[in-house]
């Protein structure tokens, strides 16, 4: 990578961080403890409006649409980190946990959450490689098809 900071890298990719939306309940978008930042679950919001992708994977939402939603969740997660500590403090991505609203028999949760993992690799390169879980659920908040949370080392 040619960028010297993560914010420069986003500019190179033509990506602007969104504004962090006001939480919908009693929680914070991100919290730092020691050298780790944990984000709350991020939904596929655009301009604070939920959700760009609603429904269940394997029923009304395709794997490709789910992966795009996971990428959008990741962009929102990066915005939460940036608002708390500044994106340029990130040392590495530690963990990604992806939740996929899944129809009965749907088993491609890893391919959906790859939308997040691949985007993190695009932004952070080698330090974007991370541990990950991809979990299928019956329902997610606001009918969202995907929700993703993160742990970053700063």
N, C-alpha and C. Protein backbone atom coordinates (compact mmCIF):
# COMPACT_ATOMS: atom_id res chain seq x y z
N UNK A 1 0.83 -1.18 0.00
CA UNK A 1 0.00 0.00 0.00
C UNK A 1 0.88 1.25 0.00
N UNK A 2 0.40 2.27 -0.66
CA UNK A 2 1.15 3.51 -0.74
C UNK A 2 0.71 4.53 0.31
N UNK A 3 -0.47 4.36 0.88
CA UNK A 3 -0.97 5.32 1.86
C UNK A 3 -0.12 5.24 3.13
N UNK A 4 0.05 6.39 3.80
CA UNK A 4 0.80 6.40 5.05
C UNK A 4 -0.12 6.33 6.26
N UNK A 5 -1.40 6.61 6.07
CA UNK A 5 -2.36 6.48 7.16
C UNK A 5 -3.60 5.77 6.63
N UNK A 6 -4.42 5.28 7.55
CA UNK A 6 -5.65 4.59 7.13
C UNK A 6 -6.64 5.56 6.51
N UNK A 7 -6.68 6.79 7.02
CA UNK A 7 -7.60 7.75 6.41
C UNK A 7 -7.15 8.11 5.00
N UNK A 8 -5.85 8.16 4.77
CA UNK A 8 -5.35 8.38 3.40
C UNK A 8 -5.71 7.19 2.52
N UNK A 9 -5.62 6.00 3.07
CA UNK A 9 -5.97 4.80 2.31
C UNK A 9 -7.44 4.86 1.87
N UNK A 10 -8.33 5.27 2.77
CA UNK A 10 -9.73 5.41 2.40
C UNK A 10 -9.90 6.42 1.28
N UNK A 11 -9.17 7.54 1.36
CA UNK A 11 -9.24 8.54 0.29
C UNK A 11 -8.78 7.95 -1.04
N UNK A 12 -7.68 7.17 -1.00
CA UNK A 12 -7.20 6.51 -2.22
C UNK A 12 -8.27 5.62 -2.83
N UNK A 13 -9.05 4.97 -1.98
CA UNK A 13 -10.11 4.07 -2.44
C UNK A 13 -11.38 4.83 -2.82
N UNK A 14 -11.39 6.14 -2.59
CA UNK A 14 -12.57 6.94 -2.90
C UNK A 14 -13.72 6.74 -1.93
N UNK A 15 -13.37 6.42 -0.67
CA UNK A 15 -14.38 6.11 0.34
C UNK A 15 -14.40 7.18 1.41
N UNK A 16 -15.59 7.70 1.71
CA UNK A 16 -15.77 8.66 2.80
C UNK A 16 -16.48 7.96 3.95
N UNK A 17 -16.02 8.22 5.15
CA UNK A 17 -16.67 7.66 6.33
C UNK A 17 -17.99 8.38 6.58
N UNK A 18 -19.04 7.62 6.89
CA UNK A 18 -20.32 8.25 7.21
C UNK A 18 -20.30 8.82 8.62
N UNK A 19 -21.29 9.62 8.93
CA UNK A 19 -21.50 10.10 10.29
C UNK A 19 -22.02 8.93 11.12
N UNK A 20 -21.54 8.83 12.34
CA UNK A 20 -21.99 7.76 13.23
C UNK A 20 -23.41 8.09 13.68
N UNK A 21 -24.36 7.18 13.44
CA UNK A 21 -25.73 7.46 13.85
C UNK A 21 -25.90 7.41 15.37
N UNK A 22 -26.89 8.13 15.85
CA UNK A 22 -27.23 8.08 17.26
C UNK A 22 -27.73 6.69 17.60
N UNK A 23 -27.24 6.08 18.68
CA UNK A 23 -27.69 4.74 19.04
C UNK A 23 -29.21 4.68 19.21
N UNK A 24 -29.78 3.54 18.84
CA UNK A 24 -31.23 3.35 18.91
C UNK A 24 -31.71 2.97 20.30
N UNK A 25 -30.78 2.68 21.20
CA UNK A 25 -31.15 2.26 22.56
C UNK A 25 -30.02 2.68 23.50
N UNK A 26 -29.93 2.05 24.66
CA UNK A 26 -28.98 2.44 25.71
C UNK A 26 -27.63 1.75 25.52
N UNK A 27 -26.85 2.21 24.57
CA UNK A 27 -25.51 1.68 24.32
C UNK A 27 -24.67 2.73 23.61
N UNK A 28 -23.38 2.47 23.51
CA UNK A 28 -22.46 3.36 22.79
C UNK A 28 -22.07 2.70 21.47
N UNK A 29 -21.77 3.48 20.44
CA UNK A 29 -21.35 2.90 19.16
C UNK A 29 -20.04 2.13 19.25
N UNK A 30 -19.12 2.59 20.13
CA UNK A 30 -17.84 1.92 20.33
C UNK A 30 -17.31 2.28 21.71
N UNK A 31 -16.52 1.36 22.27
CA UNK A 31 -15.93 1.56 23.59
C UNK A 31 -14.48 1.09 23.54
N UNK A 32 -13.62 1.89 24.17
CA UNK A 32 -12.21 1.50 24.27
C UNK A 32 -11.92 1.03 25.68
N UNK A 33 -11.17 -0.08 25.76
CA UNK A 33 -10.62 -0.53 27.03
C UNK A 33 -9.18 -0.94 26.74
N UNK A 34 -8.23 -0.30 27.42
CA UNK A 34 -6.82 -0.57 27.15
C UNK A 34 -6.50 -0.26 25.70
N UNK A 35 -5.92 -1.25 25.01
CA UNK A 35 -5.56 -1.03 23.61
C UNK A 35 -6.54 -1.69 22.65
N UNK A 36 -7.76 -1.95 23.11
CA UNK A 36 -8.78 -2.55 22.25
C UNK A 36 -9.99 -1.64 22.14
N UNK A 37 -10.56 -1.59 20.94
CA UNK A 37 -11.82 -0.90 20.70
C UNK A 37 -12.83 -1.93 20.23
N UNK A 38 -13.95 -1.99 20.93
CA UNK A 38 -15.05 -2.88 20.58
C UNK A 38 -16.16 -2.02 20.00
N UNK A 39 -16.71 -2.43 18.87
CA UNK A 39 -17.86 -1.71 18.35
C UNK A 39 -19.13 -2.45 18.74
N UNK A 40 -20.21 -1.71 18.80
CA UNK A 40 -21.52 -2.32 18.91
C UNK A 40 -21.84 -2.95 17.56
N UNK A 41 -22.87 -3.77 17.50
CA UNK A 41 -23.28 -4.33 16.23
C UNK A 41 -23.66 -3.23 15.27
N UNK A 42 -23.13 -3.31 14.06
CA UNK A 42 -23.37 -2.30 13.03
C UNK A 42 -24.34 -2.85 12.00
N UNK A 43 -25.34 -2.04 11.69
CA UNK A 43 -26.33 -2.40 10.67
C UNK A 43 -25.99 -1.72 9.35
N UNK A 44 -26.57 -2.19 8.25
CA UNK A 44 -26.31 -1.56 6.95
C UNK A 44 -27.13 -0.27 6.80
N UNK A 45 -26.62 0.79 7.42
CA UNK A 45 -27.28 2.10 7.38
C UNK A 45 -26.64 2.98 6.31
N UNK A 46 -27.44 3.81 5.70
CA UNK A 46 -26.94 4.86 4.82
C UNK A 46 -27.58 6.16 5.30
N UNK A 47 -26.73 7.15 5.57
CA UNK A 47 -27.21 8.44 6.08
C UNK A 47 -28.08 8.26 7.32
N UNK A 48 -27.71 7.29 8.16
CA UNK A 48 -28.42 7.04 9.40
C UNK A 48 -29.76 6.34 9.25
N UNK A 49 -30.13 5.98 8.02
CA UNK A 49 -31.42 5.34 7.77
C UNK A 49 -31.21 3.84 7.65
N UNK A 50 -31.98 3.09 8.41
CA UNK A 50 -31.90 1.64 8.39
C UNK A 50 -33.06 1.09 7.57
N UNK A 51 -32.92 0.06 7.03
CA UNK A 51 -31.69 -0.65 6.69
C UNK A 51 -31.69 -0.81 5.17
N UNK A 52 -30.53 -0.82 4.58
CA UNK A 52 -30.48 -0.94 3.13
C UNK A 52 -30.87 -2.33 2.66
N UNK A 53 -30.63 -3.31 3.48
CA UNK A 53 -30.92 -4.70 3.11
C UNK A 53 -31.70 -5.35 4.24
N UNK A 54 -32.99 -5.64 3.98
CA UNK A 54 -33.84 -6.29 4.97
C UNK A 54 -34.29 -7.64 4.42
N UNK A 55 -34.65 -8.52 5.34
CA UNK A 55 -35.12 -9.85 4.95
C UNK A 55 -34.14 -10.92 5.37
N UNK A 56 -34.37 -12.11 4.84
CA UNK A 56 -33.56 -13.27 5.22
C UNK A 56 -32.74 -13.76 4.03
N UNK A 57 -31.50 -14.10 4.33
CA UNK A 57 -30.66 -14.74 3.33
C UNK A 57 -31.24 -16.10 3.02
N UNK A 58 -31.24 -16.43 1.74
CA UNK A 58 -31.79 -17.71 1.32
C UNK A 58 -33.29 -17.66 1.09
N UNK A 59 -33.88 -16.47 1.30
CA UNK A 59 -35.32 -16.31 1.09
C UNK A 59 -35.57 -15.12 0.17
N UNK A 60 -35.32 -13.91 0.69
CA UNK A 60 -35.55 -12.69 -0.10
C UNK A 60 -34.27 -11.92 -0.40
N UNK A 61 -33.15 -12.33 0.20
CA UNK A 61 -31.88 -11.64 0.04
C UNK A 61 -30.85 -12.63 -0.50
N UNK A 62 -30.11 -12.23 -1.54
CA UNK A 62 -29.07 -13.09 -2.13
C UNK A 62 -27.77 -12.98 -1.33
N UNK A 63 -26.89 -13.92 -1.55
CA UNK A 63 -25.57 -13.89 -0.91
C UNK A 63 -24.84 -12.61 -1.30
N UNK A 64 -24.92 -12.22 -2.56
CA UNK A 64 -24.25 -11.00 -3.03
C UNK A 64 -24.81 -9.76 -2.33
N UNK A 65 -26.13 -9.68 -2.19
CA UNK A 65 -26.73 -8.55 -1.48
C UNK A 65 -26.32 -8.55 -0.01
N UNK A 66 -26.26 -9.73 0.59
CA UNK A 66 -25.83 -9.84 1.98
C UNK A 66 -24.38 -9.42 2.16
N UNK A 67 -23.51 -9.81 1.23
CA UNK A 67 -22.10 -9.42 1.30
C UNK A 67 -21.96 -7.91 1.15
N UNK A 68 -22.75 -7.30 0.27
CA UNK A 68 -22.73 -5.83 0.13
C UNK A 68 -23.19 -5.17 1.43
N UNK A 69 -24.20 -5.75 2.07
CA UNK A 69 -24.68 -5.22 3.34
C UNK A 69 -23.60 -5.34 4.42
N UNK A 70 -22.87 -6.46 4.44
CA UNK A 70 -21.79 -6.65 5.41
C UNK A 70 -20.69 -5.61 5.20
N UNK A 71 -20.41 -5.28 3.95
CA UNK A 71 -19.42 -4.25 3.63
C UNK A 71 -19.89 -2.90 4.19
N UNK A 72 -21.15 -2.60 4.02
CA UNK A 72 -21.70 -1.35 4.52
C UNK A 72 -21.67 -1.31 6.06
N UNK A 73 -21.97 -2.44 6.69
CA UNK A 73 -21.85 -2.53 8.15
C UNK A 73 -20.42 -2.21 8.58
N UNK A 74 -19.45 -2.69 7.82
CA UNK A 74 -18.04 -2.48 8.13
C UNK A 74 -17.68 -1.01 8.00
N UNK A 75 -18.17 -0.36 6.97
CA UNK A 75 -17.92 1.07 6.81
C UNK A 75 -18.47 1.84 8.02
N UNK A 76 -19.64 1.46 8.48
CA UNK A 76 -20.22 2.10 9.67
C UNK A 76 -19.40 1.79 10.92
N UNK A 77 -18.86 0.59 11.00
CA UNK A 77 -17.98 0.25 12.12
C UNK A 77 -16.71 1.07 12.12
N UNK A 78 -16.13 1.27 10.95
CA UNK A 78 -14.93 2.10 10.85
C UNK A 78 -15.24 3.54 11.27
N UNK A 79 -16.41 4.02 10.92
CA UNK A 79 -16.81 5.37 11.33
C UNK A 79 -16.91 5.47 12.85
N UNK A 80 -17.45 4.43 13.50
CA UNK A 80 -17.56 4.43 14.96
C UNK A 80 -16.18 4.44 15.62
N UNK A 81 -15.26 3.67 15.07
CA UNK A 81 -13.89 3.66 15.59
C UNK A 81 -13.25 5.03 15.39
N UNK A 82 -13.42 5.58 14.21
CA UNK A 82 -12.83 6.88 13.90
C UNK A 82 -13.35 7.97 14.84
N UNK A 83 -14.65 7.95 15.11
CA UNK A 83 -15.24 8.95 16.00
C UNK A 83 -14.72 8.83 17.42
N UNK A 84 -14.40 7.61 17.84
CA UNK A 84 -13.94 7.38 19.22
C UNK A 84 -12.45 7.67 19.40
N UNK A 85 -11.61 7.11 18.52
CA UNK A 85 -10.15 7.19 18.74
C UNK A 85 -9.36 7.64 17.52
N UNK A 86 -10.03 7.81 16.39
CA UNK A 86 -9.32 8.15 15.16
C UNK A 86 -8.87 6.88 14.46
N UNK A 87 -9.23 6.75 13.21
CA UNK A 87 -8.93 5.52 12.47
C UNK A 87 -7.43 5.27 12.34
N UNK A 88 -6.64 6.33 12.35
CA UNK A 88 -5.20 6.16 12.17
C UNK A 88 -4.51 5.55 13.38
N UNK A 89 -5.24 5.35 14.49
CA UNK A 89 -4.66 4.68 15.66
C UNK A 89 -4.75 3.16 15.55
N UNK A 90 -5.47 2.66 14.54
CA UNK A 90 -5.65 1.20 14.42
C UNK A 90 -4.32 0.53 14.11
N UNK A 91 -4.00 -0.48 14.93
CA UNK A 91 -2.81 -1.30 14.76
C UNK A 91 -3.15 -2.55 13.95
N UNK A 92 -4.32 -3.13 14.25
CA UNK A 92 -4.78 -4.30 13.50
C UNK A 92 -6.24 -4.56 13.79
N UNK A 93 -6.86 -5.31 12.88
CA UNK A 93 -8.22 -5.81 13.11
C UNK A 93 -8.05 -7.13 13.83
N UNK A 94 -8.71 -7.29 14.97
CA UNK A 94 -8.55 -8.49 15.79
C UNK A 94 -9.65 -9.51 15.49
N UNK A 95 -10.91 -9.07 15.51
CA UNK A 95 -12.03 -10.01 15.43
C UNK A 95 -13.21 -9.36 14.73
N UNK A 96 -13.90 -10.16 13.94
CA UNK A 96 -15.16 -9.78 13.30
C UNK A 96 -16.19 -10.83 13.68
N UNK A 97 -17.35 -10.38 14.13
CA UNK A 97 -18.47 -11.28 14.39
C UNK A 97 -19.62 -10.82 13.51
N UNK A 98 -20.05 -11.69 12.61
CA UNK A 98 -21.13 -11.36 11.70
C UNK A 98 -22.36 -12.17 11.98
N UNK A 99 -23.49 -11.49 11.98
CA UNK A 99 -24.79 -12.13 12.20
C UNK A 99 -25.59 -12.03 10.91
N UNK A 100 -26.16 -13.14 10.50
CA UNK A 100 -26.88 -13.20 9.24
C UNK A 100 -28.29 -13.71 9.50
N UNK A 101 -29.29 -12.91 9.15
CA UNK A 101 -30.68 -13.34 9.26
C UNK A 101 -30.89 -14.41 8.19
N UNK A 102 -31.15 -15.63 8.61
CA UNK A 102 -31.11 -16.78 7.71
C UNK A 102 -32.42 -17.54 7.65
N UNK A 103 -32.82 -17.85 6.43
CA UNK A 103 -33.97 -18.73 6.22
C UNK A 103 -33.56 -20.15 6.60
N UNK A 104 -34.54 -21.00 6.87
CA UNK A 104 -34.26 -22.39 7.20
C UNK A 104 -33.42 -23.02 6.09
N UNK A 105 -32.36 -23.70 6.47
CA UNK A 105 -31.51 -24.39 5.51
C UNK A 105 -30.41 -23.54 4.90
N UNK A 106 -30.39 -22.24 5.16
CA UNK A 106 -29.34 -21.38 4.60
C UNK A 106 -28.05 -21.62 5.36
N UNK A 107 -26.95 -21.94 4.64
CA UNK A 107 -25.69 -22.28 5.29
C UNK A 107 -24.50 -21.48 4.75
N UNK A 108 -24.76 -20.40 4.04
CA UNK A 108 -23.67 -19.63 3.44
C UNK A 108 -23.33 -18.36 4.23
N UNK A 109 -23.48 -18.40 5.53
CA UNK A 109 -23.14 -17.26 6.37
C UNK A 109 -21.70 -16.80 6.16
N UNK A 110 -20.72 -17.73 6.05
CA UNK A 110 -19.34 -17.26 5.82
C UNK A 110 -19.18 -16.45 4.53
N UNK A 111 -19.86 -16.83 3.48
CA UNK A 111 -19.75 -16.09 2.23
C UNK A 111 -20.37 -14.69 2.34
N UNK A 112 -21.41 -14.56 3.15
CA UNK A 112 -22.02 -13.25 3.39
C UNK A 112 -21.05 -12.35 4.14
N UNK A 113 -20.48 -12.85 5.21
CA UNK A 113 -19.59 -12.05 6.05
C UNK A 113 -18.25 -11.81 5.37
N UNK A 114 -17.94 -12.55 4.31
CA UNK A 114 -16.76 -12.23 3.50
C UNK A 114 -16.82 -10.81 2.95
N UNK A 115 -18.03 -10.26 2.78
CA UNK A 115 -18.14 -8.87 2.34
C UNK A 115 -17.43 -7.93 3.30
N UNK A 116 -17.50 -8.23 4.59
CA UNK A 116 -16.81 -7.45 5.61
C UNK A 116 -15.32 -7.75 5.59
N UNK A 117 -14.97 -9.02 5.61
CA UNK A 117 -13.56 -9.41 5.67
C UNK A 117 -12.77 -8.91 4.48
N UNK A 118 -13.34 -9.03 3.30
CA UNK A 118 -12.63 -8.56 2.10
C UNK A 118 -12.45 -7.05 2.11
N UNK A 119 -13.45 -6.32 2.58
CA UNK A 119 -13.34 -4.87 2.66
C UNK A 119 -12.25 -4.47 3.65
N UNK A 120 -12.20 -5.13 4.81
CA UNK A 120 -11.15 -4.84 5.78
C UNK A 120 -9.77 -5.10 5.18
N UNK A 121 -9.63 -6.16 4.40
CA UNK A 121 -8.37 -6.44 3.72
C UNK A 121 -8.02 -5.37 2.70
N UNK A 122 -9.03 -4.87 2.01
CA UNK A 122 -8.82 -3.81 1.02
C UNK A 122 -8.32 -2.53 1.70
N UNK A 123 -8.86 -2.22 2.85
CA UNK A 123 -8.48 -1.00 3.56
C UNK A 123 -7.15 -1.18 4.31
N UNK A 124 -7.01 -2.26 5.07
CA UNK A 124 -5.89 -2.40 6.00
C UNK A 124 -4.78 -3.34 5.53
N UNK A 125 -4.98 -4.02 4.42
CA UNK A 125 -3.95 -4.96 3.97
C UNK A 125 -3.78 -6.10 4.96
N UNK A 126 -2.54 -6.47 5.21
CA UNK A 126 -2.23 -7.62 6.07
C UNK A 126 -2.77 -7.44 7.49
N UNK A 127 -2.74 -6.23 8.04
CA UNK A 127 -3.23 -6.03 9.42
C UNK A 127 -4.76 -6.06 9.48
N UNK A 128 -5.40 -6.18 8.33
CA UNK A 128 -6.85 -6.35 8.29
C UNK A 128 -7.28 -7.79 8.43
N UNK A 129 -6.32 -8.73 8.37
CA UNK A 129 -6.65 -10.15 8.55
C UNK A 129 -7.03 -10.37 10.01
N UNK A 130 -8.05 -11.18 10.26
CA UNK A 130 -8.65 -11.24 11.60
C UNK A 130 -9.26 -12.61 11.87
N UNK A 131 -9.53 -12.85 13.15
CA UNK A 131 -10.35 -13.99 13.54
C UNK A 131 -11.80 -13.62 13.26
N UNK A 132 -12.67 -14.63 13.06
CA UNK A 132 -14.04 -14.30 12.66
C UNK A 132 -15.03 -15.39 13.03
N UNK A 133 -16.24 -14.95 13.31
CA UNK A 133 -17.38 -15.85 13.44
C UNK A 133 -18.47 -15.35 12.51
N UNK A 134 -19.20 -16.28 11.92
CA UNK A 134 -20.34 -15.95 11.06
C UNK A 134 -21.51 -16.79 11.55
N UNK A 135 -22.53 -16.13 12.10
CA UNK A 135 -23.59 -16.81 12.80
C UNK A 135 -24.93 -16.58 12.10
N UNK A 136 -25.68 -17.64 11.91
CA UNK A 136 -27.02 -17.52 11.35
C UNK A 136 -28.05 -17.37 12.45
N UNK A 137 -28.97 -16.42 12.27
CA UNK A 137 -30.01 -16.14 13.26
C UNK A 137 -31.38 -16.07 12.58
N UNK A 138 -32.42 -16.21 13.38
CA UNK A 138 -33.78 -16.12 12.85
C UNK A 138 -34.17 -14.69 12.52
N UNK A 139 -33.76 -13.72 13.35
CA UNK A 139 -34.15 -12.32 13.17
C UNK A 139 -33.02 -11.42 13.66
N UNK A 140 -32.96 -10.23 13.06
CA UNK A 140 -32.04 -9.19 13.51
C UNK A 140 -32.81 -7.90 13.73
N UNK A 141 -32.25 -6.96 14.49
CA UNK A 141 -32.94 -5.70 14.73
C UNK A 141 -33.37 -5.01 13.44
N UNK A 142 -34.55 -4.42 13.49
CA UNK A 142 -35.10 -3.63 12.39
C UNK A 142 -35.28 -4.42 11.10
N UNK A 143 -35.28 -5.74 11.19
CA UNK A 143 -35.44 -6.57 10.00
C UNK A 143 -34.20 -6.67 9.14
N UNK A 144 -33.08 -6.16 9.64
CA UNK A 144 -31.84 -6.17 8.87
C UNK A 144 -31.44 -7.60 8.50
N UNK A 145 -30.85 -7.73 7.32
CA UNK A 145 -30.37 -9.03 6.88
C UNK A 145 -29.02 -9.37 7.51
N UNK A 146 -28.25 -8.34 7.89
CA UNK A 146 -26.88 -8.54 8.37
C UNK A 146 -26.59 -7.53 9.49
N UNK A 147 -25.79 -7.97 10.45
CA UNK A 147 -25.24 -7.10 11.49
C UNK A 147 -23.82 -7.58 11.75
N UNK A 148 -22.88 -6.64 11.94
CA UNK A 148 -21.49 -7.02 12.14
C UNK A 148 -20.92 -6.18 13.27
N UNK A 149 -20.11 -6.84 14.14
CA UNK A 149 -19.39 -6.12 15.19
C UNK A 149 -17.92 -6.43 15.09
N UNK A 150 -17.08 -5.57 15.70
CA UNK A 150 -15.64 -5.63 15.48
C UNK A 150 -14.87 -5.43 16.77
N UNK A 151 -13.63 -5.95 16.77
CA UNK A 151 -12.64 -5.64 17.79
C UNK A 151 -11.38 -5.20 17.06
N UNK A 152 -10.88 -4.00 17.41
CA UNK A 152 -9.67 -3.44 16.82
C UNK A 152 -8.63 -3.24 17.90
N UNK A 153 -7.37 -3.49 17.57
CA UNK A 153 -6.26 -3.10 18.43
C UNK A 153 -5.83 -1.70 18.02
N UNK A 154 -5.65 -0.83 19.02
CA UNK A 154 -5.21 0.54 18.73
C UNK A 154 -3.97 0.85 19.55
